[in-house]
Amino acid sequence: MAIILALPDFKSLTLNRGLNMVSPFDWIVLKSRHLVKDRWISVRSDTCQMPNGTIVDPYYVLEYPTWVNVVALTKKQEIILVKQYRHGLKQTILELPSGAVKTEDVLPMEAAKRELLEETGYTSNHFIETGILDLLQKALLQEGEKGKG
């Protein structure tokens, strides 16, 4: 079920397309082992050395499959949200349409279009990639209309 959140001043927001938040990796990984590894999550324990020589052990890393989040806007500039049960919270919450990139998705954009339609019934021909939040997560902006079906 799609939830519509009205944001009348959304067009006043600007997208910063040139901002690169990635800094050089300056820790040395001395040892790494997986504690849990399955198709949805991996938990890794690393032993790292910081540039000043300090050893950090353990440093836990959560690894997820590549996924997309979609900020979908209606023609009235309302944000489309979905209700999802999240077991870790033990409650249903509102969130952006999102999902994993599947092997048949050639590009993350295809996954975004598929997830938006599956979760909300909305579709569009106008998607804008707004950036990569990390190496695994794509953020996409969509303006569109309710799909058929």
Protein backbone atom coordinates (compact mmCIF):
# COMPACT_ATOMS: atom_id res chain seq x y z
CA MET A 1 0.00 0.00 0.00
CA ALA A 2 1.41 3.41 -0.97
CA ILE A 3 1.22 6.34 1.42
CA ILE A 4 1.34 9.87 -0.01
CA LEU A 5 3.21 12.54 1.98
CA ALA A 6 2.61 16.09 0.77
CA LEU A 7 5.68 18.30 0.47
CA PRO A 8 4.55 21.47 -1.33
CA ASP A 9 8.00 23.09 -1.25
CA PHE A 10 9.93 20.06 -2.55
CA LYS A 11 10.94 21.88 -5.76
CA SER A 12 12.89 24.38 -3.66
CA LEU A 13 15.31 21.61 -2.70
CA THR A 14 18.39 21.28 -4.88
CA LEU A 15 20.35 18.15 -5.65
CA ASN A 16 24.11 18.36 -5.19
CA ARG A 17 25.38 16.08 -7.94
CA GLY A 18 29.08 16.86 -7.57
CA LEU A 19 29.55 16.06 -3.87
CA ASN A 20 31.84 13.09 -3.30
CA MET A 21 31.83 12.00 0.34
CA VAL A 22 34.27 9.11 -0.17
CA SER A 23 37.66 9.66 1.44
CA PRO A 24 40.73 7.50 0.92
CA PHE A 25 40.83 4.29 2.95
CA ASP A 26 43.65 4.75 5.39
CA TRP A 27 43.19 1.85 7.81
CA ILE A 28 45.12 -1.35 7.19
CA VAL A 29 43.09 -4.56 7.54
CA LEU A 30 45.35 -7.04 9.33
CA LYS A 31 42.83 -9.87 9.63
CA SER A 32 39.26 -10.45 8.50
CA ARG A 33 36.77 -13.27 9.03
CA HIS A 34 33.06 -13.75 8.39
CA LEU A 35 30.94 -14.52 11.44
CA VAL A 36 27.69 -14.86 9.45
CA LYS A 37 27.32 -15.08 5.68
CA ASP A 38 24.06 -15.70 3.83
CA ARG A 39 22.14 -14.19 0.92
CA TRP A 40 20.73 -11.22 2.88
CA ILE A 41 23.55 -10.20 5.22
CA SER A 42 27.12 -10.94 6.13
CA VAL A 43 28.74 -9.96 9.41
CA ARG A 44 32.50 -9.61 9.26
CA SER A 45 34.98 -9.10 12.08
CA ASP A 46 38.12 -7.19 11.07
CA THR A 47 41.31 -6.41 12.93
CA CYS A 48 42.48 -3.00 11.68
CA GLN A 49 45.44 -0.72 12.21
CA MET A 50 44.77 3.02 12.17
CA PRO A 51 47.31 5.45 10.65
CA ASN A 52 48.57 6.32 14.17
CA GLY A 53 49.31 2.63 14.85
CA THR A 54 46.29 1.95 17.09
CA ILE A 55 44.85 -1.54 16.62
CA VAL A 56 41.05 -1.77 16.45
CA ASP A 57 39.86 -5.30 17.20
CA PRO A 58 37.19 -6.23 16.53
CA TYR A 59 35.73 -3.81 14.00
CA TYR A 60 32.39 -5.24 12.86
CA VAL A 61 31.27 -4.73 9.27
CA LEU A 62 27.73 -5.41 8.06
CA GLU A 63 27.61 -6.35 4.37
CA TYR A 64 24.33 -6.29 2.44
CA PRO A 65 23.41 -7.02 -1.16
CA THR A 66 23.23 -4.03 -3.48
CA TRP A 67 19.89 -2.26 -3.12
CA VAL A 68 18.06 0.87 -4.25
CA ASN A 69 15.89 3.47 -2.55
CA VAL A 70 13.42 5.53 -4.56
CA VAL A 71 12.17 9.00 -3.65
CA ALA A 72 9.01 8.91 -5.76
CA LEU A 73 7.00 12.08 -6.34
CA THR A 74 3.45 12.40 -7.59
CA LYS A 75 2.53 15.13 -10.07
CA LYS A 76 1.46 17.18 -7.04
CA GLN A 77 5.01 16.86 -5.60
CA GLU A 78 3.94 14.43 -2.86
CA ILE A 79 6.40 11.78 -1.68
CA ILE A 80 5.20 8.18 -1.99
CA LEU A 81 5.96 5.96 1.02
CA VAL A 82 5.20 2.32 1.77
CA LYS A 83 4.31 0.51 4.97
CA GLN A 84 6.79 -2.26 5.79
CA TYR A 85 7.00 -4.57 8.79
CA ARG A 86 10.53 -4.50 10.20
CA HIS A 87 11.12 -7.38 12.56
CA GLY A 88 14.13 -5.79 14.27
CA LEU A 89 11.83 -2.95 15.36
CA LYS A 90 8.88 -5.33 15.82
CA GLN A 91 6.63 -2.81 14.11
CA THR A 92 5.33 -1.59 10.79
CA ILE A 93 6.92 1.67 9.67
CA LEU A 94 6.72 4.11 6.75
CA GLU A 95 9.71 4.10 4.43
CA LEU A 96 10.81 4.81 0.89
CA PRO A 97 10.13 2.15 -1.74
CA SER A 98 13.31 0.08 -1.88
CA GLY A 99 14.69 -3.33 -2.63
CA ALA A 100 17.59 -5.48 -3.66
CA VAL A 101 19.12 -5.35 -7.11
CA LYS A 102 18.53 -8.77 -8.68
CA THR A 103 20.91 -10.56 -11.05
CA GLU A 104 18.53 -9.91 -13.98
CA ASP A 105 18.73 -6.14 -13.35
CA VAL A 106 21.41 -4.89 -15.73
CA LEU A 107 21.48 -1.51 -13.98
CA PRO A 108 20.30 -0.34 -10.54
CA MET A 109 17.82 1.91 -12.39
CA GLU A 110 15.97 -1.21 -13.57
CA ALA A 111 15.73 -2.41 -9.98
CA ALA A 112 14.39 0.99 -8.90
CA LYS A 113 11.66 0.92 -11.55
CA ARG A 114 10.73 -2.67 -10.68
CA GLU A 115 10.65 -2.07 -6.92
CA LEU A 116 8.60 1.11 -7.27
CA LEU A 117 5.98 -0.66 -9.37
CA GLU A 118 5.92 -3.79 -7.17
CA GLU A 119 5.60 -1.90 -3.90
CA THR A 120 3.40 1.05 -4.85
CA GLY A 121 1.77 0.51 -8.25
CA TYR A 122 3.45 3.71 -9.48
CA THR A 123 5.73 3.97 -12.50
CA SER A 124 7.41 6.66 -14.54
CA ASN A 125 9.58 7.32 -17.55
CA HIS A 126 11.47 10.03 -15.66
CA PHE A 127 14.06 8.82 -13.14
CA ILE A 128 17.10 10.77 -11.93
CA GLU A 129 20.00 9.06 -10.22
CA THR A 130 20.83 11.33 -7.30
CA GLY A 131 23.88 9.50 -6.06
CA ILE A 132 25.40 6.51 -4.38
CA LEU A 133 24.98 6.57 -0.62
CA ASP A 134 27.65 3.92 -0.27
CA LEU A 135 29.07 1.31 -2.58
CA LEU A 136 25.95 -0.83 -2.25
CA GLN A 137 23.08 1.63 -2.19
CA LYS A 138 21.73 3.81 -5.00
CA ALA A 139 19.38 6.74 -4.42
CA LEU A 140 16.96 7.61 -7.21
CA LEU A 141 14.46 10.41 -7.66
CA GLN A 142 11.34 9.69 -9.64
CA GLU A 143 8.46 11.82 -10.80
CA GLY A 144 5.57 9.85 -12.14
CA GLU A 145 2.06 8.65 -12.23
CA LYS A 146 0.09 5.74 -10.91
CA GLY A 147 0.69 2.63 -12.96
CA LYS A 148 -1.92 0.47 -14.57
CA GLY A 149 -2.72 -2.93 -13.14
